[in-house]
C-alpha atoms as a PDB file:
ATOM      1  CA  MET A   1     -25.875  46.914  44.158  1.00  0.00           C
ATOM      2  CA  THR A   2     -23.840  48.416  40.953  1.00  0.00           C
ATOM      3  CA  LYS A   3     -20.558  45.901  41.757  1.00  0.00           C
ATOM      4  CA  LYS A   4     -22.982  42.743  42.780  1.00  0.00           C
ATOM      5  CA  SER A   5     -24.486  43.276  40.198  1.00  0.00           C
ATOM      6  CA  THR A   6     -21.676  43.098  37.479  1.00  0.00           C
ATOM      7  CA  ARG A   7     -20.291  40.830  39.802  1.00  0.00           C
ATOM      8  CA  ILE A   8     -23.224  37.986  38.371  1.00  0.00           C
ATOM      9  CA  ASN A   9     -23.548  39.132  35.271  1.00  0.00           C
ATOM     10  CA  THR A  10     -20.229  38.383  34.884  1.00  0.00           C
ATOM     11  CA  LYS A  11     -20.552  34.427  36.474  1.00  0.00           C
ATOM     12  CA  LYS A  12     -23.511  34.092  33.347  1.00  0.00           C
ATOM     13  CA  ILE A  13     -21.182  34.919  30.764  1.00  0.00           C
ATOM     14  CA  LEU A  14     -17.847  32.961  31.959  1.00  0.00           C
ATOM     15  CA  PHE A  15     -20.346  29.873  33.296  1.00  0.00           C
ATOM     16  CA  PRO A  16     -21.716  29.280  29.603  1.00  0.00           C
ATOM     17  CA  GLY A  17     -18.227  29.809  27.973  1.00  0.00           C
ATOM     18  CA  ILE A  18     -16.165  27.296  30.529  1.00  0.00           C
ATOM     19  CA  ALA A  19     -19.244  24.949  29.502  1.00  0.00           C
ATOM     20  CA  ILE A  20     -18.709  25.587  25.477  1.00  0.00           C
ATOM     21  CA  ALA A  21     -14.989  25.070  26.018  1.00  0.00           C
ATOM     22  CA  VAL A  22     -15.330  21.758  28.283  1.00  0.00           C
ATOM     23  CA  ILE A  23     -17.161  20.593  25.059  1.00  0.00           C
ATOM     24  CA  LEU A  24     -15.322  21.678  22.548  1.00  0.00           C
ATOM     25  CA  LEU A  25     -12.444  19.466  24.690  1.00  0.00           C
ATOM     26  CA  ILE A  26     -14.278  16.482  24.663  1.00  0.00           C
ATOM     27  CA  THR A  27     -15.485  16.779  21.015  1.00  0.00           C
ATOM     28  CA  VAL A  28     -11.529  16.822  19.742  1.00  0.00           C
ATOM     29  CA  ILE A  29     -10.447  14.358  22.264  1.00  0.00           C
ATOM     30  CA  PHE A  30     -13.104  11.653  21.518  1.00  0.00           C
ATOM     31  CA  VAL A  31     -12.396  12.334  17.293  1.00  0.00           C
ATOM     32  CA  VAL A  32      -8.277  11.277  17.785  1.00  0.00           C
ATOM     33  CA  ARG A  33      -9.089   8.680  19.301  1.00  0.00           C
ATOM     34  CA  SER A  34     -12.378   7.312  16.693  1.00  0.00           C
ATOM     35  CA  ASP A  35      -9.311   8.310  13.725  1.00  0.00           C
ATOM     36  CA  GLN A  36      -7.020   5.932  15.747  1.00  0.00           C
ATOM     37  CA  LYS A  37      -9.293   3.350  16.574  1.00  0.00           C
ATOM     38  CA  ASP A  38      -7.986  -0.568  15.030  1.00  0.00           C
ATOM     39  CA  GLY A  39      -5.495   1.078  14.092  1.00  0.00           C
ATOM     40  CA  ALA A  40      -6.296   3.250  11.551  1.00  0.00           C
ATOM     41  CA  VAL A  41      -3.599   5.287  10.969  1.00  0.00           C
ATOM     42  CA  SER A  42      -2.613   7.024   7.692  1.00  0.00           C
ATOM     43  CA  ILE A  43       0.772   5.519   5.938  1.00  0.00           C
ATOM     44  CA  GLU A  44       1.628   7.168   2.919  1.00  0.00           C
ATOM     45  CA  ILE A  45       3.255   4.218   1.992  1.00  0.00           C
ATOM     46  CA  PRO A  46       5.466   4.735  -1.807  1.00  0.00           C
ATOM     47  CA  VAL A  47       4.360   3.732  -4.841  1.00  0.00           C
ATOM     48  CA  ARG A  48       5.683   0.873  -7.253  1.00  0.00           C
ATOM     49  CA  SER A  49       4.110   1.528 -10.429  1.00  0.00           C
ATOM     50  CA  LEU A  50       3.657   0.864 -14.286  1.00  0.00           C
ATOM     51  CA  GLY A  51       2.284   3.667 -15.962  1.00  0.00           C
ATOM     52  CA  PRO A  52       1.022   7.035 -16.252  1.00  0.00           C
ATOM     53  CA  ILE A  53      -0.882   8.480 -13.054  1.00  0.00           C
ATOM     54  CA  THR A  54      -4.102   9.635 -15.298  1.00  0.00           C
ATOM     55  CA  ALA A  55      -4.246   6.255 -16.787  1.00  0.00           C
ATOM     56  CA  PRO A  56      -8.279   5.302 -16.798  1.00  0.00           C
ATOM     57  CA  VAL A  57      -7.500   1.925 -15.622  1.00  0.00           C
ATOM     58  CA  VAL A  58      -5.244   1.025 -12.826  1.00  0.00           C
ATOM     59  CA  VAL A  59      -4.335  -2.494 -12.084  1.00  0.00           C
ATOM     60  CA  GLN A  60      -3.232  -3.193  -8.271  1.00  0.00           C
ATOM     61  CA  GLU A  61      -2.002  -6.397  -8.002  1.00  0.00           C
ATOM     62  CA  TYR A  62      -1.787  -7.492  -3.951  1.00  0.00           C
ATOM     63  CA  ALA A  63       1.447 -10.309  -4.344  1.00  0.00           C
ATOM     64  CA  ASP A  64       4.636 -11.916  -1.789  1.00  0.00           C
ATOM     65  CA  PHE A  65       7.347 -12.608  -3.029  1.00  0.00           C
ATOM     66  CA  GLY A  66       7.066 -15.915  -1.484  1.00  0.00           C
ATOM     67  CA  CYS A  67       4.261 -17.034  -4.109  1.00  0.00           C
ATOM     68  CA  ILE A  68       4.623 -19.471  -6.777  1.00  0.00           C
ATOM     69  CA  THR A  69       2.188 -18.452  -8.516  1.00  0.00           C
ATOM     70  CA  CYS A  70       2.687 -14.733  -8.669  1.00  0.00           C
ATOM     71  CA  ARG A  71       5.878 -15.871  -9.398  1.00  0.00           C
ATOM     72  CA  VAL A  72       4.373 -17.871 -12.661  1.00  0.00           C
ATOM     73  CA  TRP A  73       2.216 -15.125 -13.508  1.00  0.00           C
ATOM     74  CA  HIS A  74       4.656 -12.335 -13.876  1.00  0.00           C
ATOM     75  CA  GLN A  75       6.833 -15.100 -16.066  1.00  0.00           C
ATOM     76  CA  LEU A  76       3.980 -14.986 -18.213  1.00  0.00           C
ATOM     77  CA  GLY A  77       4.495 -11.736 -18.954  1.00  0.00           C
ATOM     78  CA  ILE A  78       0.893 -10.390 -18.766  1.00  0.00           C
ATOM     79  CA  ILE A  79       1.148  -6.635 -18.169  1.00  0.00           C
ATOM     80  CA  GLU A  80       4.182  -6.481 -20.861  1.00  0.00           C
ATOM     81  CA  LYS A  81       0.859  -7.987 -22.561  1.00  0.00           C
ATOM     82  CA  ILE A  82      -1.167  -5.019 -21.554  1.00  0.00           C
ATOM     83  CA  GLN A  83       0.412  -2.139 -21.831  1.00  0.00           C
ATOM     84  CA  GLN A  84       1.789  -3.038 -25.716  1.00  0.00           C
ATOM     85  CA  LYS A  85      -1.828  -3.022 -26.189  1.00  0.00           C
ATOM     86  CA  TYR A  86      -3.152  -0.473 -24.060  1.00  0.00           C
ATOM     87  CA  GLY A  87      -0.087   1.533 -23.293  1.00  0.00           C
ATOM     88  CA  ASP A  88      -1.301   4.695 -21.124  1.00  0.00           C
ATOM     89  CA  LYS A  89      -4.484   3.790 -21.188  1.00  0.00           C
ATOM     90  CA  VAL A  90      -3.167   1.069 -17.885  1.00  0.00           C
ATOM     91  CA  ARG A  91      -1.508   2.188 -14.724  1.00  0.00           C
ATOM     92  CA  PHE A  92      -0.007  -1.103 -12.991  1.00  0.00           C
ATOM     93  CA  GLU A  93       0.382  -1.343  -9.528  1.00  0.00           C
ATOM     94  CA  TRP A  94       2.367  -3.694  -6.787  1.00  0.00           C
ATOM     95  CA  HIS A  95       0.864  -3.576  -3.290  1.00  0.00           C
ATOM     96  CA  ASP A  96       2.741  -6.203  -0.745  1.00  0.00           C
ATOM     97  CA  PHE A  97       0.461  -8.875   0.891  1.00  0.00           C
ATOM     98  CA  PRO A  98       3.068 -11.500   2.748  1.00  0.00           C
ATOM     99  CA  VAL A  99       0.947 -14.040   3.653  1.00  0.00           C
ATOM    100  CA  ILE A 100       2.581 -17.205   2.036  1.00  0.00           C
ATOM    101  CA  THR A 101       5.848 -17.786   4.444  1.00  0.00           C
ATOM    102  CA  ALA A 102       7.428 -16.800   7.232  1.00  0.00           C
ATOM    103  CA  ASN A 103      10.156 -15.200   5.130  1.00  0.00           C
ATOM    104  CA  SER A 104       7.198 -12.839   3.176  1.00  0.00           C
ATOM    105  CA  PRO A 105       7.117  -9.721   4.737  1.00  0.00           C
ATOM    106  CA  LYS A 106      11.151  -9.260   5.261  1.00  0.00           C
ATOM    107  CA  ALA A 107      11.141  -9.366   1.431  1.00  0.00           C
ATOM    108  CA  ALA A 108       8.361  -7.086   1.310  1.00  0.00           C
ATOM    109  CA  GLU A 109      10.532  -4.628   2.825  1.00  0.00           C
ATOM    110  CA  ALA A 110      13.557  -5.133   0.855  1.00  0.00           C
ATOM    111  CA  GLY A 111      11.388  -4.327  -2.185  1.00  0.00           C
ATOM    112  CA  LEU A 112      10.275  -1.234  -0.552  1.00  0.00           C
ATOM    113  CA  CYS A 113      13.833  -0.530  -0.332  1.00  0.00           C
ATOM    114  CA  ALA A 114      14.674  -0.727  -3.685  1.00  0.00           C
ATOM    115  CA  ASN A 115      12.305   1.334  -4.673  1.00  0.00           C
ATOM    116  CA  ASP A 116      13.983   4.437  -2.801  1.00  0.00           C
ATOM    117  CA  GLN A 117      16.785   3.850  -5.396  1.00  0.00           C
ATOM    118  CA  GLY A 118      14.517   3.358  -8.236  1.00  0.00           C
ATOM    119  CA  GLN A 119      15.163  -0.393  -8.818  1.00  0.00           C
ATOM    120  CA  PHE A 120      11.938  -1.736  -7.374  1.00  0.00           C
ATOM    121  CA  TRP A 121      10.930  -3.681 -10.718  1.00  0.00           C
ATOM    122  CA  LYS A 122      14.419  -4.985 -11.378  1.00  0.00           C
ATOM    123  CA  PHE A 123      14.661  -6.106  -7.681  1.00  0.00           C
ATOM    124  CA  HIS A 124      10.877  -8.270  -8.181  1.00  0.00           C
ATOM    125  CA  ASP A 125      12.435  -9.724 -11.113  1.00  0.00           C
ATOM    126  CA  VAL A 126      15.610 -10.880  -9.316  1.00  0.00           C
ATOM    127  CA  VAL A 127      13.659 -12.152  -6.481  1.00  0.00           C
ATOM    128  CA  TYR A 128      11.075 -13.705  -8.423  1.00  0.00           C
ATOM    129  CA  LYS A 129      13.887 -15.690 -10.799  1.00  0.00           C
ATOM    130  CA  ASN A 130      16.083 -16.464  -7.793  1.00  0.00           C
ATOM    131  CA  TYR A 131      12.446 -18.465  -6.394  1.00  0.00           C
ATOM    132  CA  PRO A 132      12.212 -19.428  -3.612  1.00  0.00           C
ATOM    133  CA  LYS A 133      15.293 -17.708  -1.932  1.00  0.00           C
ATOM    134  CA  LEU A 134      14.358 -15.016   0.467  1.00  0.00           C
ATOM    135  CA  SER A 135      16.365 -14.496   3.456  1.00  0.00           C
ATOM    136  CA  VAL A 136      17.686 -11.561   4.897  1.00  0.00           C
ATOM    137  CA  GLU A 137      21.301 -12.513   3.369  1.00  0.00           C
ATOM    138  CA  ASP A 138      19.806 -13.500  -0.269  1.00  0.00           C
ATOM    139  CA  LEU A 139      17.701 -10.103  -0.637  1.00  0.00           C
ATOM    140  CA  LYS A 140      21.304  -8.277   0.294  1.00  0.00           C
ATOM    141  CA  ASN A 141      22.940 -10.036  -2.953  1.00  0.00           C
ATOM    142  CA  TYR A 142      20.290  -8.987  -4.701  1.00  0.00           C
ATOM    143  CA  ALA A 143      20.507  -5.637  -3.748  1.00  0.00           C
ATOM    144  CA  LEU A 144      24.124  -5.868  -4.323  1.00  0.00           C
ATOM    145  CA  GLY A 145      24.121  -8.094  -7.710  1.00  0.00           C
ATOM    146  CA  LEU A 146      21.613  -4.780  -8.994  1.00  0.00           C
ATOM    147  CA  GLY A 147      24.412  -2.223  -8.286  1.00  0.00           C
ATOM    148  CA  LEU A 148      22.106  -0.595  -5.838  1.00  0.00           C
ATOM    149  CA  ASP A 149      23.527   1.250  -2.625  1.00  0.00           C
ATOM    150  CA  SER A 150      24.561  -1.608  -0.533  1.00  0.00           C
ATOM    151  CA  LYS A 151      25.522   0.077   2.720  1.00  0.00           C
ATOM    152  CA  ILE A 152      22.071   2.269   2.363  1.00  0.00           C
ATOM    153  CA  PHE A 153      19.899  -0.425   1.278  1.00  0.00           C
ATOM    154  CA  ASN A 154      21.380  -2.697   4.067  1.00  0.00           C
ATOM    155  CA  GLU A 155      20.493   0.335   6.522  1.00  0.00           C
ATOM    156  CA  CYS A 156      16.653   0.273   5.621  1.00  0.00           C
ATOM    157  CA  LEU A 157      15.898  -3.682   5.648  1.00  0.00           C
ATOM    158  CA  ASP A 158      17.898  -3.433   9.006  1.00  0.00           C
ATOM    159  CA  SER A 159      16.379  -0.841  10.742  1.00  0.00           C
ATOM    160  CA  GLY A 160      12.656  -1.952   9.919  1.00  0.00           C
ATOM    161  CA  LYS A 161      11.984   1.395   7.991  1.00  0.00           C
ATOM    162  CA  TYR A 162       8.780  -0.232   6.255  1.00  0.00           C
ATOM    163  CA  LYS A 163       7.811  -2.076   8.466  1.00  0.00           C
ATOM    164  CA  LYS A 164       4.383  -0.402   8.985  1.00  0.00           C
ATOM    165  CA  ASP A 165       4.389   0.294   5.437  1.00  0.00           C
ATOM    166  CA  VAL A 166       4.426  -3.379   4.859  1.00  0.00           C
ATOM    167  CA  GLN A 167       1.606  -4.169   8.018  1.00  0.00           C
ATOM    168  CA  GLN A 168      -0.605  -1.782   6.689  1.00  0.00           C
ATOM    169  CA  GLU A 169      -0.718  -2.953   2.892  1.00  0.00           C
ATOM    170  CA  LEU A 170      -1.189  -6.330   4.119  1.00  0.00           C
ATOM    171  CA  LYS A 171      -4.350  -4.651   6.744  1.00  0.00           C
ATOM    172  CA  ASN A 172      -5.611  -3.322   2.972  1.00  0.00           C
ATOM    173  CA  GLY A 173      -5.475  -6.058   0.936  1.00  0.00           C
ATOM    174  CA  TYR A 174      -7.708  -8.085   4.382  1.00  0.00           C
ATOM    175  CA  SER A 175      -9.807  -4.900   4.109  1.00  0.00           C
ATOM    176  CA  TYR A 176     -11.109  -5.825   0.389  1.00  0.00           C
ATOM    177  CA  GLY A 177     -11.434 -10.048   1.843  1.00  0.00           C
ATOM    178  CA  PHE A 178      -8.163 -11.136   0.369  1.00  0.00           C
ATOM    179  CA  LYS A 179      -6.564 -14.236   1.830  1.00  0.00           C
ATOM    180  CA  ALA A 180      -4.829 -15.404  -1.300  1.00  0.00           C
ATOM    181  CA  THR A 181      -2.167 -13.911  -3.494  1.00  0.00           C
ATOM    182  CA  PRO A 182      -1.837 -12.774  -5.955  1.00  0.00           C
ATOM    183  CA  SER A 183      -5.468 -10.694  -6.003  1.00  0.00           C
ATOM    184  CA  PHE A 184      -5.856  -7.783  -8.261  1.00  0.00           C
ATOM    185  CA  LYS A 185      -8.735  -4.864  -8.067  1.00  0.00           C
ATOM    186  CA  VAL A 186      -9.143  -3.514 -11.531  1.00  0.00           C
ATOM    187  CA  ASN A 187     -10.525   0.246 -10.965  1.00  0.00           C
ATOM    188  CA  ASP A 188     -12.739  -0.930  -8.266  1.00  0.00           C
ATOM    189  CA  GLN A 189     -13.687  -4.677  -9.234  1.00  0.00           C
ATOM    190  CA  VAL A 190     -11.974  -7.081  -6.917  1.00  0.00           C
ATOM    191  CA  LEU A 191     -10.581 -10.310  -8.813  1.00  0.00           C
ATOM    192  CA  ILE A 192      -9.466 -13.068  -6.836  1.00  0.00           C
ATOM    193  CA  GLY A 193      -6.269 -15.667  -7.919  1.00  0.00           C
ATOM    194  CA  PRO A 194      -4.524 -13.979 -11.384  1.00  0.00           C
ATOM    195  CA  PRO A 195      -6.588 -13.422 -14.752  1.00  0.00           C
ATOM    196  CA  SER A 196      -5.218 -14.558 -18.294  1.00  0.00           C
ATOM    197  CA  PHE A 197      -4.274 -12.009 -20.615  1.00  0.00           C
ATOM    198  CA  GLU A 198      -7.404 -11.953 -22.163  1.00  0.00           C
ATOM    199  CA  GLN A 199      -9.871 -12.537 -19.117  1.00  0.00           C
ATOM    200  CA  LEU A 200      -8.020  -9.087 -18.017  1.00  0.00           C
ATOM    201  CA  SER A 201      -8.507  -7.795 -21.378  1.00  0.00           C
ATOM    202  CA  ALA A 202     -12.007  -8.187 -21.296  1.00  0.00           C
ATOM    203  CA  ILE A 203     -12.467  -6.226 -18.158  1.00  0.00           C
ATOM    204  CA  ILE A 204      -9.830  -3.460 -19.241  1.00  0.00           C
ATOM    205  CA  ASP A 205     -12.066  -3.305 -23.014  1.00  0.00           C
ATOM    206  CA  GLU A 206     -15.577  -2.982 -20.908  1.00  0.00           C
ATOM    207  CA  LEU A 207     -14.502  -0.434 -18.417  1.00  0.00           C
ATOM    208  CA  LEU A 208     -12.805   1.679 -20.894  1.00  0.00           C
ATOM    209  CA  VAL A 209     -15.810   1.746 -22.662  1.00  0.00           C
ATOM    210  CA  SER A 210     -18.185   2.272 -19.521  1.00  0.00           C
ATOM    211  CA  GLY A 211     -15.489   5.177 -18.212  1.00  0.00           C
ATOM    212  CA  LYS A 212     -15.989   3.279 -14.788  1.00  0.00           C
END
């Protein structure tokens, strides 16, 4: 009687334990699948920025190397004027939103490859200076002209090292409701289309006063 009683008690303990383990396993699987739903995979995209990370105002530009309006906006020198006026209070970030030309996604990858060698902004300027030439050969020639290590740059570009990063930034842009370039976020405020120096200054002044 003693042995039988012991066996029954063990089952009573074991069965609930198995049930709990199964429930936990199902929960873990559900959570993992939920995190992967709709391709929402976390990718740490290299930052291309001007200004300190501690700046209270962050201007994020979602742009395309094949975008003539983006080119004109940069040639107006608005970033430089904002930096001169606000100094360390403002940080600029570039984000790829390659929607204009068939070569735009590859040009975005090239920018990230140049960033690997600390030359994103010089590459950015050269690409816009030579607009609209964005073939792979053109991109490699720009890197060569800037004195980048051609072997490293070409391998980066040919391998598609940053293809997923560019695709993720494109998804991010769409999630903010962007449909064209350039589009902007100033802290949490969304701007569609390129702001003038005066418009951007007014927004920055308001954010600095409000602290938002």
